[in-house]
Amino acid sequence: MRFIELNHIIHDGLITYQGLDAPHICDFWTREASEANYEDGATFHIGKIDMVANTGTYVDVPFHRFEEGDDLAAVGLHHLAALEGLLIDCTNLETREIPVSLLPKSGLKGKAVLFYTGWDQHWDTDQYFGQHPYLATETAELLKANKVALVGIDSYNIDDAHTKKRPVHTTLLGAGIPIVEHLCHLENIPSGQPFRFTAVPPRIKGLGSFPVRAFASLDNDE
């Protein structure tokens, strides 16, 4: 099995979304402080991280948008792990809005549909927060109608973040379809080759978003 990392590394001070606090990563228990607790020379480090849930590459589940929706503890692994993947190449579009015409006419049901825009090249720069690609409402509606398992994008937001409307989040999360935002390195998935997609967060009750280690897996003989 070959694995392809599709996630950004989280580090102290990282700004994922303008207006949200950056993570603070520090020591809770240093190795030096642990020395007094052990007699065989062993030392241990325990870290501490203070961050908002929408940091790095993260998944949104229904609770993020809907109070009555499934939270991270309730969403099943059949929506998050070892999903048959479908990569949609959007890199040659002349508009920011990703049209429904890019989707195939069939074969969407149960798949993780990943939109490859190339916007991740601007990650950790001011340009990343600018005029980013996003899904058209009609695209989200067709994904919902075809009962996809998950939708992902390598952009700042799956909706147009420069308006106060969030129709794509509403459509997909309302249908129980998780959204993974801020993916990266989708160009490393070989064109036309079958792959599986995984983006699993911890099981946390009362949260609707959290970072994931998103990755694609391919058979070595592909």
N, C-alpha and C. Protein backbone atom coordinates (compact mmCIF):
# COMPACT_ATOMS: atom_id res chain seq x y z
N MET A 1 0.83 -1.20 0.00
CA MET A 1 0.00 0.00 0.00
C MET A 1 0.87 1.25 0.00
N ARG A 2 0.51 2.21 -0.82
CA ARG A 2 1.20 3.49 -0.88
C ARG A 2 0.29 4.57 -0.29
N PHE A 3 0.86 5.43 0.56
CA PHE A 3 0.09 6.48 1.21
C PHE A 3 0.55 7.85 0.74
N ILE A 4 -0.40 8.76 0.53
CA ILE A 4 -0.11 10.13 0.11
C ILE A 4 -0.72 11.08 1.12
N GLU A 5 0.13 11.86 1.79
CA GLU A 5 -0.35 12.84 2.76
C GLU A 5 -1.10 13.96 2.03
N LEU A 6 -2.27 14.30 2.54
CA LEU A 6 -3.10 15.35 1.95
C LEU A 6 -3.45 16.42 2.99
N ASN A 7 -2.64 16.53 4.02
CA ASN A 7 -2.93 17.42 5.14
C ASN A 7 -1.80 18.40 5.37
N HIS A 8 -2.15 19.58 5.91
CA HIS A 8 -1.15 20.56 6.32
C HIS A 8 -0.65 20.23 7.72
N ILE A 9 0.62 20.54 7.98
CA ILE A 9 1.20 20.36 9.30
C ILE A 9 0.76 21.52 10.20
N ILE A 10 0.29 21.20 11.39
CA ILE A 10 -0.10 22.22 12.36
C ILE A 10 1.12 22.60 13.19
N HIS A 11 1.37 23.88 13.30
CA HIS A 11 2.50 24.34 14.13
C HIS A 11 2.06 25.54 14.95
N ASP A 12 2.83 25.85 15.96
CA ASP A 12 2.55 26.98 16.83
C ASP A 12 2.46 28.27 16.01
N GLY A 13 1.38 29.01 16.20
CA GLY A 13 1.23 30.29 15.51
C GLY A 13 0.57 30.21 14.14
N LEU A 14 0.20 29.02 13.68
CA LEU A 14 -0.39 28.86 12.35
C LEU A 14 -1.76 29.56 12.26
N ILE A 15 -1.95 30.38 11.23
CA ILE A 15 -3.24 31.00 10.97
C ILE A 15 -3.91 30.22 9.84
N THR A 16 -5.00 29.54 10.16
CA THR A 16 -5.75 28.80 9.16
C THR A 16 -6.86 29.64 8.56
N TYR A 17 -7.54 30.39 9.41
CA TYR A 17 -8.72 31.15 8.99
C TYR A 17 -8.64 32.53 9.64
N GLN A 18 -8.68 33.57 8.85
CA GLN A 18 -8.59 34.92 9.39
C GLN A 18 -9.70 35.18 10.40
N GLY A 19 -9.30 35.71 11.56
CA GLY A 19 -10.25 35.98 12.63
C GLY A 19 -10.29 34.91 13.69
N LEU A 20 -9.70 33.75 13.41
CA LEU A 20 -9.63 32.68 14.41
C LEU A 20 -8.23 32.62 15.01
N ASP A 21 -8.16 32.33 16.30
CA ASP A 21 -6.87 32.30 16.98
C ASP A 21 -5.95 31.22 16.43
N ALA A 22 -4.67 31.51 16.42
CA ALA A 22 -3.65 30.52 16.04
C ALA A 22 -3.44 29.55 17.20
N PRO A 23 -3.02 28.32 16.92
CA PRO A 23 -2.74 27.37 18.00
C PRO A 23 -1.51 27.78 18.80
N HIS A 24 -1.55 27.49 20.08
CA HIS A 24 -0.38 27.68 20.96
C HIS A 24 0.04 26.31 21.45
N ILE A 25 1.23 25.88 21.07
CA ILE A 25 1.76 24.56 21.44
C ILE A 25 2.91 24.76 22.40
N CYS A 26 2.86 24.08 23.55
CA CYS A 26 3.89 24.29 24.57
C CYS A 26 4.05 23.03 25.42
N ASP A 27 4.97 23.08 26.37
CA ASP A 27 5.17 21.98 27.31
C ASP A 27 4.16 22.05 28.44
N PHE A 28 3.57 20.93 28.77
CA PHE A 28 2.83 20.81 30.02
C PHE A 28 3.72 20.19 31.08
N TRP A 29 4.53 19.22 30.63
CA TRP A 29 5.47 18.53 31.52
C TRP A 29 6.75 18.32 30.74
N THR A 30 7.83 18.97 31.12
CA THR A 30 9.09 18.84 30.42
C THR A 30 9.80 17.54 30.80
N ARG A 31 10.75 17.12 29.99
CA ARG A 31 11.53 15.93 30.31
C ARG A 31 12.33 16.14 31.59
N GLU A 32 12.85 17.37 31.75
CA GLU A 32 13.63 17.66 32.96
C GLU A 32 12.76 17.56 34.21
N ALA A 33 11.53 18.04 34.12
CA ALA A 33 10.63 17.99 35.27
C ALA A 33 10.21 16.57 35.61
N SER A 34 10.25 15.68 34.61
CA SER A 34 9.80 14.31 34.85
C SER A 34 10.87 13.44 35.52
N GLU A 35 12.12 13.89 35.54
CA GLU A 35 13.22 13.07 36.05
C GLU A 35 13.00 12.61 37.48
N ALA A 36 12.41 13.47 38.30
CA ALA A 36 12.24 13.15 39.72
C ALA A 36 11.21 12.05 39.96
N ASN A 37 10.44 11.70 38.96
CA ASN A 37 9.36 10.73 39.14
C ASN A 37 9.75 9.30 38.78
N TYR A 38 10.97 9.11 38.24
CA TYR A 38 11.39 7.79 37.78
C TYR A 38 12.79 7.49 38.26
N GLU A 39 13.06 6.19 38.48
CA GLU A 39 14.33 5.79 39.06
C GLU A 39 15.28 5.15 38.06
N ASP A 40 14.82 4.91 36.85
CA ASP A 40 15.65 4.19 35.88
C ASP A 40 16.18 5.09 34.77
N GLY A 41 16.15 6.40 35.02
CA GLY A 41 16.67 7.33 34.02
C GLY A 41 15.68 7.70 32.93
N ALA A 42 14.47 7.16 33.02
CA ALA A 42 13.46 7.46 32.02
C ALA A 42 12.92 8.88 32.19
N THR A 43 12.69 9.55 31.10
CA THR A 43 12.04 10.86 31.12
C THR A 43 10.94 10.87 30.07
N PHE A 44 9.97 11.73 30.30
CA PHE A 44 8.84 11.79 29.39
C PHE A 44 8.44 13.24 29.14
N HIS A 45 7.84 13.47 27.99
CA HIS A 45 7.32 14.78 27.64
C HIS A 45 5.82 14.70 27.46
N ILE A 46 5.10 15.64 28.08
CA ILE A 46 3.67 15.79 27.85
C ILE A 46 3.45 17.20 27.33
N GLY A 47 2.87 17.30 26.15
CA GLY A 47 2.65 18.59 25.54
C GLY A 47 1.25 19.12 25.81
N LYS A 48 1.06 20.37 25.47
CA LYS A 48 -0.23 21.03 25.62
C LYS A 48 -0.48 21.87 24.38
N ILE A 49 -1.70 21.83 23.88
CA ILE A 49 -2.06 22.64 22.73
C ILE A 49 -3.38 23.34 22.99
N ASP A 50 -3.40 24.63 22.73
CA ASP A 50 -4.60 25.44 22.85
C ASP A 50 -4.95 25.93 21.45
N MET A 51 -6.08 25.47 20.91
CA MET A 51 -6.41 25.84 19.54
C MET A 51 -7.91 25.77 19.32
N VAL A 52 -8.37 26.51 18.32
CA VAL A 52 -9.75 26.35 17.88
C VAL A 52 -9.85 25.08 17.04
N ALA A 53 -11.05 24.55 16.95
CA ALA A 53 -11.22 23.27 16.26
C ALA A 53 -10.94 23.37 14.76
N ASN A 54 -11.20 24.53 14.16
CA ASN A 54 -10.99 24.70 12.72
C ASN A 54 -9.56 25.16 12.47
N THR A 55 -8.63 24.24 12.61
CA THR A 55 -7.20 24.52 12.46
C THR A 55 -6.58 23.50 11.52
N GLY A 56 -5.73 23.98 10.61
CA GLY A 56 -5.07 23.07 9.67
C GLY A 56 -6.08 22.46 8.70
N THR A 57 -5.83 21.22 8.32
CA THR A 57 -6.78 20.46 7.50
C THR A 57 -7.79 19.84 8.45
N TYR A 58 -9.06 20.19 8.30
CA TYR A 58 -10.05 19.71 9.27
C TYR A 58 -11.32 19.24 8.58
N VAL A 59 -12.11 18.49 9.33
CA VAL A 59 -13.39 18.01 8.84
C VAL A 59 -14.51 18.76 9.56
N ASP A 60 -15.52 19.13 8.79
CA ASP A 60 -16.78 19.64 9.34
C ASP A 60 -17.80 18.51 9.26
N VAL A 61 -18.51 18.28 10.36
CA VAL A 61 -19.59 17.30 10.39
C VAL A 61 -20.89 18.06 10.69
N PRO A 62 -22.05 17.41 10.55
CA PRO A 62 -23.31 18.16 10.62
C PRO A 62 -23.49 19.09 11.82
N PHE A 63 -22.97 18.74 12.99
CA PHE A 63 -23.14 19.58 14.17
C PHE A 63 -22.52 20.96 14.00
N HIS A 64 -21.53 21.07 13.13
CA HIS A 64 -20.89 22.36 12.86
C HIS A 64 -21.91 23.38 12.35
N ARG A 65 -22.88 22.92 11.59
CA ARG A 65 -23.90 23.80 10.99
C ARG A 65 -25.25 23.69 11.68
N PHE A 66 -25.58 22.49 12.18
CA PHE A 66 -26.91 22.23 12.72
C PHE A 66 -26.82 21.71 14.15
N GLU A 67 -27.49 22.37 15.05
CA GLU A 67 -27.43 21.99 16.48
C GLU A 67 -27.87 20.55 16.70
N GLU A 68 -28.82 20.08 15.90
CA GLU A 68 -29.33 18.72 16.07
C GLU A 68 -28.54 17.69 15.26
N GLY A 69 -27.53 18.13 14.51
CA GLY A 69 -26.76 17.22 13.66
C GLY A 69 -25.76 16.38 14.42
N ASP A 70 -25.27 15.34 13.76
CA ASP A 70 -24.27 14.45 14.38
C ASP A 70 -22.99 15.22 14.67
N ASP A 71 -22.45 15.02 15.87
CA ASP A 71 -21.16 15.60 16.21
C ASP A 71 -20.04 14.62 15.87
N LEU A 72 -18.81 14.97 16.25
CA LEU A 72 -17.66 14.12 15.91
C LEU A 72 -17.76 12.72 16.50
N ALA A 73 -18.43 12.60 17.65
CA ALA A 73 -18.56 11.29 18.29
C ALA A 73 -19.62 10.43 17.62
N ALA A 74 -20.52 11.06 16.88
CA ALA A 74 -21.65 10.32 16.31
C ALA A 74 -21.47 9.93 14.85
N VAL A 75 -20.64 10.67 14.11
CA VAL A 75 -20.48 10.38 12.68
C VAL A 75 -19.78 9.04 12.49
N GLY A 76 -20.33 8.20 11.65
CA GLY A 76 -19.78 6.87 11.45
C GLY A 76 -18.54 6.86 10.57
N LEU A 77 -17.71 5.84 10.76
CA LEU A 77 -16.49 5.72 9.97
C LEU A 77 -16.77 5.48 8.49
N HIS A 78 -17.96 5.04 8.16
CA HIS A 78 -18.30 4.84 6.75
C HIS A 78 -18.38 6.16 5.99
N HIS A 79 -18.36 7.28 6.72
CA HIS A 79 -18.31 8.59 6.09
C HIS A 79 -16.91 9.19 6.10
N LEU A 80 -15.94 8.49 6.71
CA LEU A 80 -14.64 9.11 6.97
C LEU A 80 -13.43 8.27 6.58
N ALA A 81 -13.56 6.97 6.51
CA ALA A 81 -12.38 6.10 6.39
C ALA A 81 -12.47 5.15 5.21
N ALA A 82 -11.34 5.00 4.50
CA ALA A 82 -11.19 4.03 3.42
C ALA A 82 -12.29 4.16 2.37
N LEU A 83 -12.63 5.41 2.05
CA LEU A 83 -13.67 5.68 1.06
C LEU A 83 -13.09 5.61 -0.35
N GLU A 84 -13.85 5.09 -1.27
CA GLU A 84 -13.44 5.13 -2.67
C GLU A 84 -13.38 6.59 -3.11
N GLY A 85 -12.25 7.02 -3.63
CA GLY A 85 -12.05 8.42 -3.94
C GLY A 85 -12.29 8.77 -5.39
N LEU A 86 -12.73 10.01 -5.61
CA LEU A 86 -12.88 10.56 -6.96
C LEU A 86 -12.28 11.96 -6.96
N LEU A 87 -11.27 12.18 -7.81
CA LEU A 87 -10.59 13.47 -7.89
C LEU A 87 -11.14 14.28 -9.05
N ILE A 88 -11.60 15.50 -8.75
CA ILE A 88 -12.13 16.40 -9.78
C ILE A 88 -11.11 17.50 -10.02
N ASP A 89 -10.51 17.54 -11.20
CA ASP A 89 -9.48 18.53 -11.52
C ASP A 89 -10.14 19.85 -11.93
N CYS A 90 -9.91 20.88 -11.11
CA CYS A 90 -10.49 22.20 -11.36
C CYS A 90 -9.43 23.23 -11.70
N THR A 91 -8.22 22.79 -11.97
CA THR A 91 -7.09 23.71 -12.09
C THR A 91 -7.14 24.57 -13.35
N ASN A 92 -7.92 24.17 -14.33
CA ASN A 92 -7.98 24.96 -15.58
C ASN A 92 -9.21 25.85 -15.67
N LEU A 93 -9.95 25.97 -14.59
CA LEU A 93 -11.14 26.82 -14.61
C LEU A 93 -10.75 28.30 -14.72
N GLU A 94 -11.55 29.06 -15.40
CA GLU A 94 -11.33 30.50 -15.52
C GLU A 94 -12.16 31.28 -14.52
N THR A 95 -13.01 30.59 -13.77
CA THR A 95 -13.82 31.23 -12.73
C THR A 95 -13.51 30.59 -11.39
N ARG A 96 -13.83 31.32 -10.32
CA ARG A 96 -13.60 30.78 -8.97
C ARG A 96 -14.66 29.75 -8.60
N GLU A 97 -15.84 29.89 -9.16
CA GLU A 97 -16.94 29.00 -8.82
C GLU A 97 -16.83 27.69 -9.59
N ILE A 98 -16.84 26.58 -8.88
CA ILE A 98 -16.69 25.26 -9.50
C ILE A 98 -18.06 24.77 -9.96
N PRO A 99 -18.27 24.65 -11.28
CA PRO A 99 -19.60 24.36 -11.80
C PRO A 99 -19.97 22.88 -11.72
N VAL A 100 -21.25 22.64 -11.77
CA VAL A 100 -21.76 21.27 -11.72
C VAL A 100 -21.33 20.47 -12.94
N SER A 101 -21.01 21.14 -14.03
CA SER A 101 -20.64 20.45 -15.27
C SER A 101 -19.35 19.64 -15.14
N LEU A 102 -18.55 19.88 -14.12
CA LEU A 102 -17.31 19.11 -13.92
C LEU A 102 -17.58 17.73 -13.34
N LEU A 103 -18.74 17.53 -12.79
CA LEU A 103 -19.05 16.23 -12.17
C LEU A 103 -19.45 15.21 -13.23
N PRO A 104 -19.07 13.95 -13.03
CA PRO A 104 -19.51 12.90 -13.96
C PRO A 104 -21.01 12.68 -13.85
N LYS A 105 -21.58 12.07 -14.87
CA LYS A 105 -23.02 11.84 -14.92
C LYS A 105 -23.46 10.70 -14.01
N SER A 106 -22.51 9.86 -13.59
CA SER A 106 -22.86 8.72 -12.74
C SER A 106 -21.63 8.33 -11.92
N GLY A 107 -21.83 7.38 -11.02
CA GLY A 107 -20.71 6.82 -10.27
C GLY A 107 -20.26 7.64 -9.08
N LEU A 108 -21.12 8.48 -8.51
CA LEU A 108 -20.75 9.31 -7.37
C LEU A 108 -21.14 8.70 -6.03
N LYS A 109 -22.14 7.87 -6.01
CA LYS A 109 -22.70 7.37 -4.75
C LYS A 109 -21.64 6.70 -3.87
N GLY A 110 -21.59 7.12 -2.61
CA GLY A 110 -20.70 6.51 -1.63
C GLY A 110 -19.25 6.91 -1.72
N LYS A 111 -18.92 7.84 -2.61
CA LYS A 111 -17.51 8.19 -2.81
C LYS A 111 -17.11 9.44 -2.03
N ALA A 112 -15.81 9.57 -1.80
CA ALA A 112 -15.21 10.81 -1.32
C ALA A 112 -14.83 11.61 -2.56
N VAL A 113 -15.52 12.72 -2.79
CA VAL A 113 -15.28 13.54 -3.97
C VAL A 113 -14.38 14.70 -3.57
N LEU A 114 -13.18 14.74 -4.15
CA LEU A 114 -12.16 15.73 -3.77
C LEU A 114 -11.95 16.69 -4.94
N PHE A 115 -12.07 17.98 -4.64
CA PHE A 115 -11.91 19.01 -5.66
C PHE A 115 -10.50 19.58 -5.60
N TYR A 116 -9.76 19.35 -6.67
CA TYR A 116 -8.35 19.76 -6.79
C TYR A 116 -8.28 21.09 -7.52
N THR A 117 -8.04 22.17 -6.77
CA THR A 117 -7.97 23.51 -7.35
C THR A 117 -6.55 24.04 -7.43
N GLY A 118 -5.64 23.48 -6.64
CA GLY A 118 -4.28 23.99 -6.58
C GLY A 118 -4.11 25.20 -5.68
N TRP A 119 -5.19 25.60 -5.01
CA TRP A 119 -5.12 26.80 -4.15
C TRP A 119 -4.19 26.61 -2.96
N ASP A 120 -3.89 25.37 -2.60
CA ASP A 120 -3.01 25.11 -1.45
C ASP A 120 -1.60 25.65 -1.67
N GLN A 121 -1.24 26.01 -2.90
CA GLN A 121 0.08 26.59 -3.14
C GLN A 121 0.24 27.93 -2.42
N HIS A 122 -0.89 28.54 -2.03
CA HIS A 122 -0.85 29.83 -1.33
C HIS A 122 -0.93 29.68 0.19
N TRP A 123 -0.93 28.46 0.68
CA TRP A 123 -1.06 28.19 2.11
C TRP A 123 -0.03 28.97 2.92
N ASP A 124 -0.47 29.49 4.04
CA ASP A 124 0.39 30.23 4.98
C ASP A 124 0.90 31.54 4.37
N THR A 125 0.13 32.10 3.42
CA THR A 125 0.42 33.41 2.86
C THR A 125 -0.87 34.23 2.88
N ASP A 126 -0.77 35.55 2.74
CA ASP A 126 -1.96 36.40 2.71
C ASP A 126 -2.84 36.08 1.51
N GLN A 127 -2.25 35.63 0.42
CA GLN A 127 -3.03 35.34 -0.78
C GLN A 127 -4.02 34.20 -0.56
N TYR A 128 -3.70 33.29 0.36
CA TYR A 128 -4.58 32.15 0.63
C TYR A 128 -5.98 32.62 1.04
N PHE A 129 -6.05 33.76 1.72
CA PHE A 129 -7.32 34.27 2.22
C PHE A 129 -8.08 35.09 1.18
N GLY A 130 -7.53 35.20 -0.02
CA GLY A 130 -8.10 36.06 -1.05
C GLY A 130 -9.21 35.40 -1.85
N GLN A 131 -9.20 35.61 -3.13
CA GLN A 131 -10.29 35.18 -4.02
C GLN A 131 -10.15 33.69 -4.36
N HIS A 132 -10.54 32.87 -3.43
CA HIS A 132 -10.32 31.42 -3.51
C HIS A 132 -11.41 30.72 -4.31
N PRO A 133 -11.13 29.52 -4.81
CA PRO A 133 -12.16 28.71 -5.48
C PRO A 133 -13.17 28.16 -4.46
N TYR A 134 -14.39 27.90 -4.94
CA TYR A 134 -15.45 27.37 -4.08
C TYR A 134 -16.47 26.65 -4.95
N LEU A 135 -17.33 25.85 -4.33
CA LEU A 135 -18.33 25.10 -5.09
C LEU A 135 -19.57 25.93 -5.38
N ALA A 136 -20.10 25.78 -6.56
CA ALA A 136 -21.40 26.35 -6.88
C ALA A 136 -22.47 25.61 -6.08
N THR A 137 -23.55 26.31 -5.77
CA THR A 137 -24.65 25.69 -5.04
C THR A 137 -25.19 24.48 -5.79
N GLU A 138 -25.28 24.58 -7.12
CA GLU A 138 -25.78 23.47 -7.93
C GLU A 138 -24.87 22.25 -7.84
N THR A 139 -23.56 22.48 -7.70
CA THR A 139 -22.62 21.37 -7.56
C THR A 139 -22.88 20.62 -6.26
N ALA A 140 -23.08 21.38 -5.18
CA ALA A 140 -23.37 20.75 -3.89
C ALA A 140 -24.69 19.99 -3.94
N GLU A 141 -25.67 20.55 -4.61
CA GLU A 141 -26.98 19.89 -4.70
C GLU A 141 -26.90 18.57 -5.44
N LEU A 142 -26.08 18.51 -6.51
CA LEU A 142 -25.93 17.26 -7.24
C LEU A 142 -25.16 16.22 -6.40
N LEU A 143 -24.17 16.66 -5.66
CA LEU A 143 -23.45 15.75 -4.76
C LEU A 143 -24.39 15.16 -3.72
N LYS A 144 -25.26 16.00 -3.18
CA LYS A 144 -26.26 15.53 -2.22
C LYS A 144 -27.21 14.53 -2.88
N ALA A 145 -27.71 14.87 -4.06
CA ALA A 145 -28.66 14.00 -4.75
C ALA A 145 -28.07 12.64 -5.06
N ASN A 146 -26.76 12.61 -5.29
CA ASN A 146 -26.08 11.35 -5.63
C ASN A 146 -25.53 10.62 -4.40
N LYS A 147 -25.82 11.15 -3.21
CA LYS A 147 -25.48 10.49 -1.94
C LYS A 147 -24.00 10.15 -1.83
N VAL A 148 -23.16 11.16 -2.09
CA VAL A 148 -21.72 10.94 -1.87
C VAL A 148 -21.47 10.77 -0.39
N ALA A 149 -20.33 10.19 -0.04
CA ALA A 149 -20.00 9.95 1.37
C ALA A 149 -19.34 11.15 2.02
N LEU A 150 -18.53 11.89 1.26
CA LEU A 150 -17.73 13.00 1.81
C LEU A 150 -17.32 13.90 0.65
N VAL A 151 -17.11 15.18 0.94
CA VAL A 151 -16.62 16.12 -0.06
C VAL A 151 -15.43 16.88 0.52
N GLY A 152 -14.37 17.02 -0.27
CA GLY A 152 -13.18 17.74 0.18
C GLY A 152 -12.70 18.74 -0.85
N ILE A 153 -11.95 19.74 -0.37
CA ILE A 153 -11.41 20.77 -1.27
C ILE A 153 -10.09 21.28 -0.70
N ASP A 154 -9.17 21.68 -1.59
CA ASP A 154 -7.86 22.19 -1.17
C ASP A 154 -7.86 23.72 -1.18
N SER A 155 -8.95 24.30 -0.72
CA SER A 155 -9.13 25.75 -0.76
C SER A 155 -9.45 26.29 0.62
N TYR A 156 -9.56 27.60 0.71
CA TYR A 156 -9.80 28.31 1.96
C TYR A 156 -11.17 28.01 2.54
N ASN A 157 -12.13 27.75 1.67
CA ASN A 157 -13.49 27.44 2.12
C ASN A 157 -14.23 26.79 0.95
N ILE A 158 -15.10 25.86 1.27
CA ILE A 158 -15.88 25.22 0.20
C ILE A 158 -16.99 26.14 -0.29
N ASP A 159 -17.37 27.13 0.53
CA ASP A 159 -18.26 28.21 0.13
C ASP A 159 -17.43 29.44 -0.20
N ASP A 160 -18.06 30.43 -0.82
CA ASP A 160 -17.39 31.71 -1.06
C ASP A 160 -17.32 32.46 0.27
N ALA A 161 -16.14 32.53 0.85
CA ALA A 161 -15.97 33.13 2.18
C ALA A 161 -16.12 34.64 2.16
N HIS A 162 -16.24 35.23 1.00
CA HIS A 162 -16.37 36.68 0.90
C HIS A 162 -17.82 37.14 0.86
N THR A 163 -18.74 36.24 1.11
CA THR A 163 -20.15 36.58 1.31
C THR A 163 -20.57 36.05 2.68
N LYS A 164 -21.76 36.42 3.10
CA LYS A 164 -22.27 35.95 4.39
C LYS A 164 -23.18 34.74 4.24
N LYS A 165 -23.23 34.17 3.05
CA LYS A 165 -24.05 32.98 2.80
C LYS A 165 -23.17 31.73 2.78
N ARG A 166 -23.72 30.61 3.21
CA ARG A 166 -22.98 29.34 3.22
C ARG A 166 -23.87 28.22 2.67
N PRO A 167 -24.29 28.33 1.41
CA PRO A 167 -25.22 27.32 0.86
C PRO A 167 -24.62 25.93 0.72
N VAL A 168 -23.32 25.84 0.45
CA VAL A 168 -22.72 24.52 0.27
C VAL A 168 -22.63 23.78 1.60
N HIS A 169 -22.19 24.48 2.65
CA HIS A 169 -22.19 23.87 3.99
C HIS A 169 -23.60 23.42 4.37
N THR A 170 -24.58 24.28 4.11
CA THR A 170 -25.96 23.96 4.48
C THR A 170 -26.46 22.73 3.73
N THR A 171 -26.19 22.67 2.44
CA THR A 171 -26.66 21.55 1.62
C THR A 171 -25.99 20.24 2.02
N LEU A 172 -24.67 20.23 2.10
CA LEU A 172 -23.96 18.98 2.37
C LEU A 172 -24.12 18.51 3.82
N LEU A 173 -23.88 19.40 4.76
CA LEU A 173 -24.00 19.00 6.16
C LEU A 173 -25.45 18.67 6.52
N GLY A 174 -26.39 19.35 5.87
CA GLY A 174 -27.79 19.02 6.09
C GLY A 174 -28.16 17.63 5.62
N ALA A 175 -27.38 17.11 4.68
CA ALA A 175 -27.59 15.75 4.17
C ALA A 175 -26.70 14.72 4.88
N GLY A 176 -25.97 15.17 5.91
CA GLY A 176 -25.11 14.25 6.65
C GLY A 176 -23.79 13.95 5.97
N ILE A 177 -23.38 14.81 5.03
CA ILE A 177 -22.15 14.60 4.26
C ILE A 177 -21.02 15.45 4.85
N PRO A 178 -19.99 14.84 5.45
CA PRO A 178 -18.87 15.62 5.99
C PRO A 178 -18.12 16.38 4.91
N ILE A 179 -17.50 17.49 5.33
CA ILE A 179 -16.71 18.34 4.44
C ILE A 179 -15.30 18.44 4.99
N VAL A 180 -14.30 18.18 4.16
CA VAL A 180 -12.91 18.37 4.56
C VAL A 180 -12.37 19.57 3.78
N GLU A 181 -11.90 20.58 4.53
CA GLU A 181 -11.36 21.80 3.93
C GLU A 181 -9.86 21.90 4.18
N HIS A 182 -9.20 22.70 3.37
CA HIS A 182 -7.74 22.94 3.48
C HIS A 182 -6.94 21.66 3.21
N LEU A 183 -7.39 20.87 2.27
CA LEU A 183 -6.57 19.75 1.81
C LEU A 183 -5.34 20.30 1.08
N CYS A 184 -4.39 19.43 0.79
CA CYS A 184 -3.20 19.86 0.04
C CYS A 184 -2.60 18.65 -0.69
N HIS A 185 -1.73 18.95 -1.64
CA HIS A 185 -0.97 17.93 -2.39
C HIS A 185 -1.85 16.97 -3.17
N LEU A 186 -3.02 17.42 -3.58
CA LEU A 186 -3.87 16.55 -4.38
C LEU A 186 -3.25 16.22 -5.73
N GLU A 187 -2.30 17.03 -6.16
CA GLU A 187 -1.61 16.74 -7.43
C GLU A 187 -0.78 15.47 -7.35
N ASN A 188 -0.52 14.98 -6.15
CA ASN A 188 0.28 13.76 -5.99
C ASN A 188 -0.53 12.48 -6.17
N ILE A 189 -1.84 12.61 -6.29
CA ILE A 189 -2.67 11.44 -6.59
C ILE A 189 -2.60 11.19 -8.10
N PRO A 190 -2.07 10.06 -8.53
CA PRO A 190 -1.91 9.82 -9.97
C PRO A 190 -3.23 9.88 -10.72
N SER A 191 -3.24 10.58 -11.81
CA SER A 191 -4.45 10.76 -12.60
C SER A 191 -4.99 9.42 -13.08
N GLY A 192 -6.26 9.20 -12.84
CA GLY A 192 -6.92 8.01 -13.34
C GLY A 192 -6.74 6.77 -12.50
N GLN A 193 -5.92 6.81 -11.46
CA GLN A 193 -5.68 5.63 -10.64
C GLN A 193 -6.67 5.56 -9.48
N PRO A 194 -7.20 4.38 -9.21
CA PRO A 194 -8.10 4.22 -8.06
C PRO A 194 -7.36 4.52 -6.75
N PHE A 195 -8.09 5.14 -5.82
CA PHE A 195 -7.49 5.40 -4.50
C PHE A 195 -8.58 5.40 -3.44
N ARG A 196 -8.16 5.25 -2.21
CA ARG A 196 -9.04 5.36 -1.06
C ARG A 196 -8.68 6.62 -0.28
N PHE A 197 -9.68 7.24 0.33
CA PHE A 197 -9.46 8.48 1.08
C PHE A 197 -9.90 8.30 2.52
N THR A 198 -9.07 8.80 3.44
CA THR A 198 -9.36 8.72 4.87
C THR A 198 -9.09 10.07 5.52
N ALA A 199 -10.01 10.50 6.37
CA ALA A 199 -9.84 11.76 7.13
C ALA A 199 -10.62 11.62 8.43
N VAL A 200 -10.00 11.00 9.43
CA VAL A 200 -10.70 10.63 10.66
C VAL A 200 -10.27 11.54 11.82
N PRO A 201 -11.22 12.21 12.48
CA PRO A 201 -10.92 13.00 13.67
C PRO A 201 -11.11 12.17 14.93
N PRO A 202 -10.69 12.67 16.09
CA PRO A 202 -11.03 12.00 17.35
C PRO A 202 -12.54 12.01 17.57
N ARG A 203 -13.02 11.09 18.40
CA ARG A 203 -14.44 11.04 18.73
C ARG A 203 -14.69 11.98 19.91
N ILE A 204 -15.10 13.20 19.62
CA ILE A 204 -15.30 14.21 20.65
C ILE A 204 -16.77 14.61 20.65
N LYS A 205 -17.40 14.51 21.80
CA LYS A 205 -18.80 14.89 21.92
C LYS A 205 -18.92 16.40 22.02
N GLY A 206 -19.85 16.97 21.28
CA GLY A 206 -20.12 18.38 21.37
C GLY A 206 -19.29 19.26 20.48
N LEU A 207 -18.54 18.66 19.54
CA LEU A 207 -17.79 19.44 18.55
C LEU A 207 -18.22 19.03 17.14
N GLY A 208 -18.19 20.01 16.23
CA GLY A 208 -18.58 19.74 14.85
C GLY A 208 -17.45 19.86 13.85
N SER A 209 -16.25 20.22 14.31
CA SER A 209 -15.07 20.33 13.45
C SER A 209 -13.84 19.92 14.24
N PHE A 210 -12.84 19.40 13.54
CA PHE A 210 -11.57 19.07 14.19
C PHE A 210 -10.54 18.71 13.13
N PRO A 211 -9.25 18.97 13.41
CA PRO A 211 -8.20 18.59 12.46
C PRO A 211 -8.19 17.09 12.19
N VAL A 212 -7.75 16.74 10.98
CA VAL A 212 -7.63 15.34 10.57
C VAL A 212 -6.27 15.14 9.89
N ARG A 213 -5.80 13.93 9.92
CA ARG A 213 -4.65 13.55 9.09
C ARG A 213 -5.22 12.90 7.84
N ALA A 214 -5.55 13.72 6.88
CA ALA A 214 -6.16 13.24 5.65
C ALA A 214 -5.09 12.61 4.75
N PHE A 215 -5.44 11.48 4.13
CA PHE A 215 -4.49 10.83 3.23
C PHE A 215 -5.21 9.96 2.21
N ALA A 216 -4.52 9.72 1.12
CA ALA A 216 -4.99 8.78 0.10
C ALA A 216 -4.14 7.52 0.20
N SER A 217 -4.77 6.40 -0.08
CA SER A 217 -4.03 5.13 -0.12
C SER A 217 -4.28 4.46 -1.46
N LEU A 218 -3.18 3.93 -2.04
CA LEU A 218 -3.25 3.28 -3.35
C LEU A 218 -2.55 1.92 -3.24
N ASP A 219 -3.03 0.96 -4.00
CA ASP A 219 -2.34 -0.32 -4.06
C ASP A 219 -1.01 -0.12 -4.77
N ASN A 220 0.02 -0.83 -4.30
CA ASN A 220 1.35 -0.71 -4.91
C ASN A 220 1.38 -1.12 -6.36
N ASP A 221 0.46 -2.01 -6.75
CA ASP A 221 0.50 -2.49 -8.13
C ASP A 221 -0.30 -1.61 -9.08
N GLU A 222 -0.88 -0.51 -8.53
CA GLU A 222 -1.62 0.41 -9.42
C GLU A 222 -0.66 1.26 -10.23
